[in-house]
Amino acid sequence: MDQAIASAINEQMVAQVVRLDIWLAANAPEAYATDGDTATMMLAEIERLHGQIDLLRRLAETRNKNLVKLDEENELLRTEIVTAWAWLAVGILQSLTQTGTTESTQRGDTK
């Protein structure tokens, strides 16, 4: 391999490692502060981030299940409220009908 090509490849690799070091120092200072090479630190940080993602995914699934359950409970409550209002309306109508009938009977109305 030509020396210039090998040197260019080496410079690119060093530049990549430097960028990874900068990222680690800024985003994972605890990982950057540990002993080891950049690749080991990056792999450890990737593993830690995967763990956080899994935890967040499980939390989101649990919250989603809770929301579905709450939606179902809310729908049952809405149904109970509508039913209660319907029975109240029926009771009022029956009361008015009975009152009207009683008043008519007391006046001697015949229809």
N, C-alpha and C. Protein backbone atom coordinates (compact mmCIF):
# COMPACT_ATOMS: atom_id res chain seq x y z
N MET A 1 0.84 -1.17 0.00
CA MET A 1 0.00 0.00 0.00
C MET A 1 0.89 1.24 0.00
N ASP A 2 0.50 2.19 -0.75
CA ASP A 2 1.24 3.45 -0.84
C ASP A 2 1.30 4.13 0.52
N GLN A 3 2.41 4.72 0.85
CA GLN A 3 2.61 5.37 2.15
C GLN A 3 1.63 6.52 2.36
N ALA A 4 1.34 7.27 1.31
CA ALA A 4 0.41 8.41 1.41
C ALA A 4 -1.00 7.92 1.74
N ILE A 5 -1.41 6.82 1.11
CA ILE A 5 -2.73 6.26 1.37
C ILE A 5 -2.81 5.74 2.80
N ALA A 6 -1.77 5.04 3.22
CA ALA A 6 -1.74 4.51 4.58
C ALA A 6 -1.78 5.65 5.60
N SER A 7 -1.09 6.71 5.32
CA SER A 7 -1.06 7.87 6.21
C SER A 7 -2.44 8.53 6.27
N ALA A 8 -3.11 8.65 5.13
CA ALA A 8 -4.45 9.25 5.08
C ALA A 8 -5.45 8.40 5.86
N ILE A 9 -5.36 7.09 5.71
CA ILE A 9 -6.26 6.18 6.44
C ILE A 9 -6.00 6.31 7.93
N ASN A 10 -4.74 6.36 8.31
CA ASN A 10 -4.37 6.49 9.71
C ASN A 10 -4.90 7.81 10.29
N GLU A 11 -4.78 8.89 9.54
CA GLU A 11 -5.29 10.19 10.00
C GLU A 11 -6.81 10.16 10.17
N GLN A 12 -7.50 9.50 9.25
CA GLN A 12 -8.96 9.39 9.37
C GLN A 12 -9.35 8.61 10.62
N MET A 13 -8.62 7.53 10.88
CA MET A 13 -8.92 6.72 12.06
C MET A 13 -8.66 7.51 13.34
N VAL A 14 -7.54 8.23 13.37
CA VAL A 14 -7.23 9.06 14.54
C VAL A 14 -8.29 10.14 14.72
N ALA A 15 -8.73 10.75 13.64
CA ALA A 15 -9.77 11.79 13.71
C ALA A 15 -11.07 11.21 14.26
N GLN A 16 -11.40 10.00 13.85
CA GLN A 16 -12.61 9.35 14.36
C GLN A 16 -12.50 9.09 15.87
N VAL A 17 -11.37 8.61 16.30
CA VAL A 17 -11.15 8.34 17.72
C VAL A 17 -11.22 9.64 18.52
N VAL A 18 -10.65 10.71 17.97
CA VAL A 18 -10.71 12.01 18.64
C VAL A 18 -12.16 12.47 18.76
N ARG A 19 -12.93 12.33 17.70
CA ARG A 19 -14.36 12.71 17.76
C ARG A 19 -15.11 11.89 18.80
N LEU A 20 -14.81 10.60 18.87
CA LEU A 20 -15.46 9.75 19.88
C LEU A 20 -15.02 10.17 21.29
N ASP A 21 -13.77 10.48 21.46
CA ASP A 21 -13.29 10.97 22.76
C ASP A 21 -14.01 12.26 23.16
N ILE A 22 -14.15 13.17 22.23
CA ILE A 22 -14.84 14.44 22.50
C ILE A 22 -16.30 14.17 22.89
N TRP A 23 -16.94 13.27 22.16
CA TRP A 23 -18.34 12.93 22.47
C TRP A 23 -18.43 12.32 23.86
N LEU A 24 -17.55 11.38 24.17
CA LEU A 24 -17.55 10.75 25.50
C LEU A 24 -17.34 11.78 26.60
N ALA A 25 -16.39 12.67 26.41
CA ALA A 25 -16.10 13.68 27.42
C ALA A 25 -17.31 14.58 27.66
N ALA A 26 -18.04 14.90 26.60
CA ALA A 26 -19.20 15.80 26.73
C ALA A 26 -20.46 15.08 27.21
N ASN A 27 -20.67 13.85 26.77
CA ASN A 27 -21.95 13.17 27.01
C ASN A 27 -21.90 12.05 28.04
N ALA A 28 -20.73 11.56 28.33
CA ALA A 28 -20.58 10.47 29.29
C ALA A 28 -19.28 10.66 30.06
N PRO A 29 -19.19 11.75 30.82
CA PRO A 29 -17.92 12.04 31.50
C PRO A 29 -17.49 10.94 32.46
N GLU A 30 -18.47 10.23 33.07
CA GLU A 30 -18.09 9.14 33.98
C GLU A 30 -17.44 7.99 33.20
N ALA A 31 -17.90 7.74 32.01
CA ALA A 31 -17.28 6.69 31.18
C ALA A 31 -15.93 7.16 30.66
N TYR A 32 -15.84 8.43 30.33
CA TYR A 32 -14.59 8.98 29.79
C TYR A 32 -13.49 8.98 30.84
N ALA A 33 -13.90 9.14 32.10
CA ALA A 33 -12.92 9.21 33.19
C ALA A 33 -12.34 7.85 33.57
N THR A 34 -12.99 6.77 33.13
CA THR A 34 -12.49 5.43 33.48
C THR A 34 -11.30 5.06 32.61
N ASP A 35 -10.53 4.14 33.13
CA ASP A 35 -9.38 3.65 32.35
C ASP A 35 -9.89 2.77 31.20
N GLY A 36 -9.18 2.78 30.13
CA GLY A 36 -9.52 1.94 28.99
C GLY A 36 -9.40 2.71 27.70
N ASP A 37 -9.50 1.97 26.63
CA ASP A 37 -9.40 2.63 25.33
C ASP A 37 -10.76 3.19 24.91
N THR A 38 -10.77 3.98 23.90
CA THR A 38 -11.98 4.65 23.43
C THR A 38 -13.05 3.64 23.02
N ALA A 39 -12.66 2.60 22.35
CA ALA A 39 -13.64 1.60 21.90
C ALA A 39 -14.33 0.94 23.08
N THR A 40 -13.55 0.58 24.10
CA THR A 40 -14.13 -0.04 25.29
C THR A 40 -15.09 0.91 25.98
N MET A 41 -14.69 2.17 26.10
CA MET A 41 -15.56 3.16 26.74
C MET A 41 -16.84 3.37 25.92
N MET A 42 -16.70 3.43 24.60
CA MET A 42 -17.88 3.62 23.75
C MET A 42 -18.83 2.43 23.86
N LEU A 43 -18.29 1.23 23.84
CA LEU A 43 -19.14 0.05 23.97
C LEU A 43 -19.86 0.02 25.31
N ALA A 44 -19.15 0.41 26.38
CA ALA A 44 -19.78 0.46 27.70
C ALA A 44 -20.89 1.50 27.72
N GLU A 45 -20.66 2.64 27.10
CA GLU A 45 -21.68 3.69 27.06
C GLU A 45 -22.87 3.26 26.21
N ILE A 46 -22.61 2.60 25.11
CA ILE A 46 -23.70 2.10 24.27
C ILE A 46 -24.54 1.10 25.05
N GLU A 47 -23.90 0.23 25.79
CA GLU A 47 -24.62 -0.76 26.61
C GLU A 47 -25.47 -0.06 27.67
N ARG A 48 -24.90 0.98 28.30
CA ARG A 48 -25.65 1.73 29.31
C ARG A 48 -26.87 2.41 28.69
N LEU A 49 -26.67 2.99 27.52
CA LEU A 49 -27.79 3.65 26.84
C LEU A 49 -28.87 2.64 26.43
N HIS A 50 -28.46 1.47 26.00
CA HIS A 50 -29.42 0.41 25.67
C HIS A 50 -30.25 0.05 26.90
N GLY A 51 -29.58 -0.03 28.05
CA GLY A 51 -30.29 -0.32 29.30
C GLY A 51 -31.30 0.76 29.62
N GLN A 52 -30.94 2.02 29.43
CA GLN A 52 -31.87 3.12 29.66
C GLN A 52 -33.04 3.06 28.69
N ILE A 53 -32.75 2.75 27.45
CA ILE A 53 -33.81 2.64 26.44
C ILE A 53 -34.79 1.53 26.81
N ASP A 54 -34.26 0.39 27.23
CA ASP A 54 -35.12 -0.72 27.63
C ASP A 54 -36.00 -0.33 28.82
N LEU A 55 -35.40 0.35 29.80
CA LEU A 55 -36.16 0.79 30.97
C LEU A 55 -37.26 1.76 30.56
N LEU A 56 -36.92 2.73 29.72
CA LEU A 56 -37.92 3.70 29.26
C LEU A 56 -39.02 3.02 28.44
N ARG A 57 -38.66 2.04 27.65
CA ARG A 57 -39.64 1.30 26.86
C ARG A 57 -40.62 0.56 27.78
N ARG A 58 -40.08 -0.08 28.84
CA ARG A 58 -40.95 -0.80 29.79
C ARG A 58 -41.85 0.17 30.54
N LEU A 59 -41.30 1.31 30.94
CA LEU A 59 -42.12 2.32 31.62
C LEU A 59 -43.23 2.83 30.71
N ALA A 60 -42.90 3.06 29.45
CA ALA A 60 -43.90 3.54 28.50
C ALA A 60 -44.99 2.50 28.29
N GLU A 61 -44.62 1.23 28.20
CA GLU A 61 -45.61 0.17 28.03
C GLU A 61 -46.53 0.10 29.24
N THR A 62 -45.96 0.21 30.44
CA THR A 62 -46.76 0.18 31.66
C THR A 62 -47.72 1.37 31.70
N ARG A 63 -47.20 2.54 31.38
CA ARG A 63 -48.06 3.73 31.38
C ARG A 63 -49.14 3.63 30.32
N ASN A 64 -48.80 3.06 29.18
CA ASN A 64 -49.79 2.88 28.13
C ASN A 64 -50.90 1.95 28.60
N LYS A 65 -50.52 0.85 29.26
CA LYS A 65 -51.52 -0.08 29.79
C LYS A 65 -52.40 0.62 30.83
N ASN A 66 -51.77 1.45 31.67
CA ASN A 66 -52.54 2.18 32.67
C ASN A 66 -53.51 3.16 32.02
N LEU A 67 -53.07 3.80 30.94
CA LEU A 67 -53.96 4.73 30.24
C LEU A 67 -55.14 4.01 29.61
N VAL A 68 -54.88 2.85 29.03
CA VAL A 68 -55.96 2.05 28.44
C VAL A 68 -56.95 1.67 29.53
N LYS A 69 -56.45 1.25 30.68
CA LYS A 69 -57.32 0.88 31.80
C LYS A 69 -58.14 2.08 32.26
N LEU A 70 -57.50 3.24 32.37
CA LEU A 70 -58.22 4.45 32.77
C LEU A 70 -59.28 4.83 31.74
N ASP A 71 -58.96 4.69 30.47
CA ASP A 71 -59.94 4.97 29.42
C ASP A 71 -61.15 4.05 29.55
N GLU A 72 -60.90 2.78 29.83
CA GLU A 72 -62.00 1.83 30.00
C GLU A 72 -62.85 2.20 31.22
N GLU A 73 -62.19 2.57 32.32
CA GLU A 73 -62.92 2.97 33.53
C GLU A 73 -63.72 4.24 33.27
N ASN A 74 -63.13 5.19 32.54
CA ASN A 74 -63.85 6.43 32.21
C ASN A 74 -65.08 6.14 31.36
N GLU A 75 -64.95 5.22 30.43
CA GLU A 75 -66.10 4.87 29.59
C GLU A 75 -67.21 4.24 30.43
N LEU A 76 -66.84 3.38 31.38
CA LEU A 76 -67.84 2.79 32.28
C LEU A 76 -68.52 3.88 33.10
N LEU A 77 -67.76 4.82 33.60
CA LEU A 77 -68.34 5.92 34.38
C LEU A 77 -69.28 6.77 33.52
N ARG A 78 -68.87 7.05 32.29
CA ARG A 78 -69.76 7.80 31.38
C ARG A 78 -71.08 7.06 31.18
N THR A 79 -70.97 5.75 30.98
CA THR A 79 -72.18 4.94 30.79
C THR A 79 -73.06 4.99 32.03
N GLU A 80 -72.45 4.89 33.21
CA GLU A 80 -73.22 4.95 34.44
C GLU A 80 -73.89 6.31 34.61
N ILE A 81 -73.18 7.37 34.26
CA ILE A 81 -73.76 8.72 34.37
C ILE A 81 -74.93 8.88 33.40
N VAL A 82 -74.74 8.45 32.17
CA VAL A 82 -75.83 8.54 31.19
C VAL A 82 -77.04 7.73 31.65
N THR A 83 -76.79 6.54 32.17
CA THR A 83 -77.88 5.70 32.67
C THR A 83 -78.58 6.37 33.84
N ALA A 84 -77.80 6.95 34.75
CA ALA A 84 -78.40 7.63 35.91
C ALA A 84 -79.25 8.81 35.46
N TRP A 85 -78.75 9.57 34.49
CA TRP A 85 -79.53 10.70 33.98
C TRP A 85 -80.82 10.20 33.31
N ALA A 86 -80.72 9.11 32.58
CA ALA A 86 -81.92 8.57 31.92
C ALA A 86 -82.94 8.14 32.95
N TRP A 87 -82.50 7.43 33.99
CA TRP A 87 -83.44 7.01 35.04
C TRP A 87 -84.02 8.21 35.78
N LEU A 88 -83.23 9.24 35.99
CA LEU A 88 -83.73 10.46 36.63
C LEU A 88 -84.79 11.11 35.76
N ALA A 89 -84.54 11.17 34.46
CA ALA A 89 -85.52 11.75 33.54
C ALA A 89 -86.81 10.94 33.53
N VAL A 90 -86.68 9.61 33.53
CA VAL A 90 -87.87 8.75 33.56
C VAL A 90 -88.64 8.99 34.85
N GLY A 91 -87.93 9.09 35.97
CA GLY A 91 -88.58 9.33 37.26
C GLY A 91 -89.30 10.67 37.28
N ILE A 92 -88.68 11.69 36.73
CA ILE A 92 -89.32 13.02 36.69
C ILE A 92 -90.56 12.97 35.82
N LEU A 93 -90.45 12.33 34.66
CA LEU A 93 -91.61 12.22 33.76
C LEU A 93 -92.75 11.44 34.42
N GLN A 94 -92.41 10.36 35.09
CA GLN A 94 -93.44 9.59 35.78
C GLN A 94 -94.08 10.41 36.89
N SER A 95 -93.27 11.15 37.62
CA SER A 95 -93.78 11.98 38.69
C SER A 95 -94.71 13.05 38.13
N LEU A 96 -94.31 13.67 37.04
CA LEU A 96 -95.15 14.70 36.43
C LEU A 96 -96.43 14.10 35.89
N THR A 97 -96.32 12.92 35.30
CA THR A 97 -97.51 12.25 34.76
C THR A 97 -98.47 11.90 35.89
N GLN A 98 -97.94 11.36 36.97
CA GLN A 98 -98.79 10.99 38.11
C GLN A 98 -99.41 12.23 38.75
N THR A 99 -98.63 13.30 38.87
CA THR A 99 -99.15 14.54 39.45
C THR A 99 -100.26 15.10 38.58
N GLY A 100 -100.05 15.08 37.28
CA GLY A 100 -101.07 15.58 36.35
C GLY A 100 -102.33 14.74 36.42
N THR A 101 -102.19 13.43 36.53
CA THR A 101 -103.34 12.53 36.62
C THR A 101 -104.08 12.75 37.93
N THR A 102 -103.35 12.91 39.01
CA THR A 102 -103.96 13.12 40.32
C THR A 102 -104.72 14.44 40.35
N GLU A 103 -104.13 15.49 39.79
CA GLU A 103 -104.79 16.79 39.75
C GLU A 103 -106.05 16.73 38.90
N SER A 104 -105.99 16.04 37.77
CA SER A 104 -107.16 15.91 36.90
C SER A 104 -108.27 15.16 37.64
N THR A 105 -107.92 14.13 38.35
CA THR A 105 -108.90 13.34 39.07
C THR A 105 -109.52 14.17 40.18
N GLN A 106 -108.71 14.95 40.85
CA GLN A 106 -109.23 15.78 41.93
C GLN A 106 -110.17 16.85 41.39
N ARG A 107 -109.92 17.36 40.19
CA ARG A 107 -110.81 18.37 39.59
C ARG A 107 -112.02 17.73 38.96
N GLY A 108 -111.98 16.46 38.79
CA GLY A 108 -113.10 15.77 38.17
C GLY A 108 -113.06 15.77 36.67
N ASP A 109 -111.89 16.04 36.12
CA ASP A 109 -111.75 16.03 34.66
C ASP A 109 -111.88 14.61 34.15
N THR A 110 -112.56 14.47 33.08
CA THR A 110 -112.64 13.18 32.41
C THR A 110 -112.26 13.39 30.98
N LYS A 111 -111.42 12.59 30.53
CA LYS A 111 -110.97 12.71 29.13
C LYS A 111 -111.06 11.41 28.46
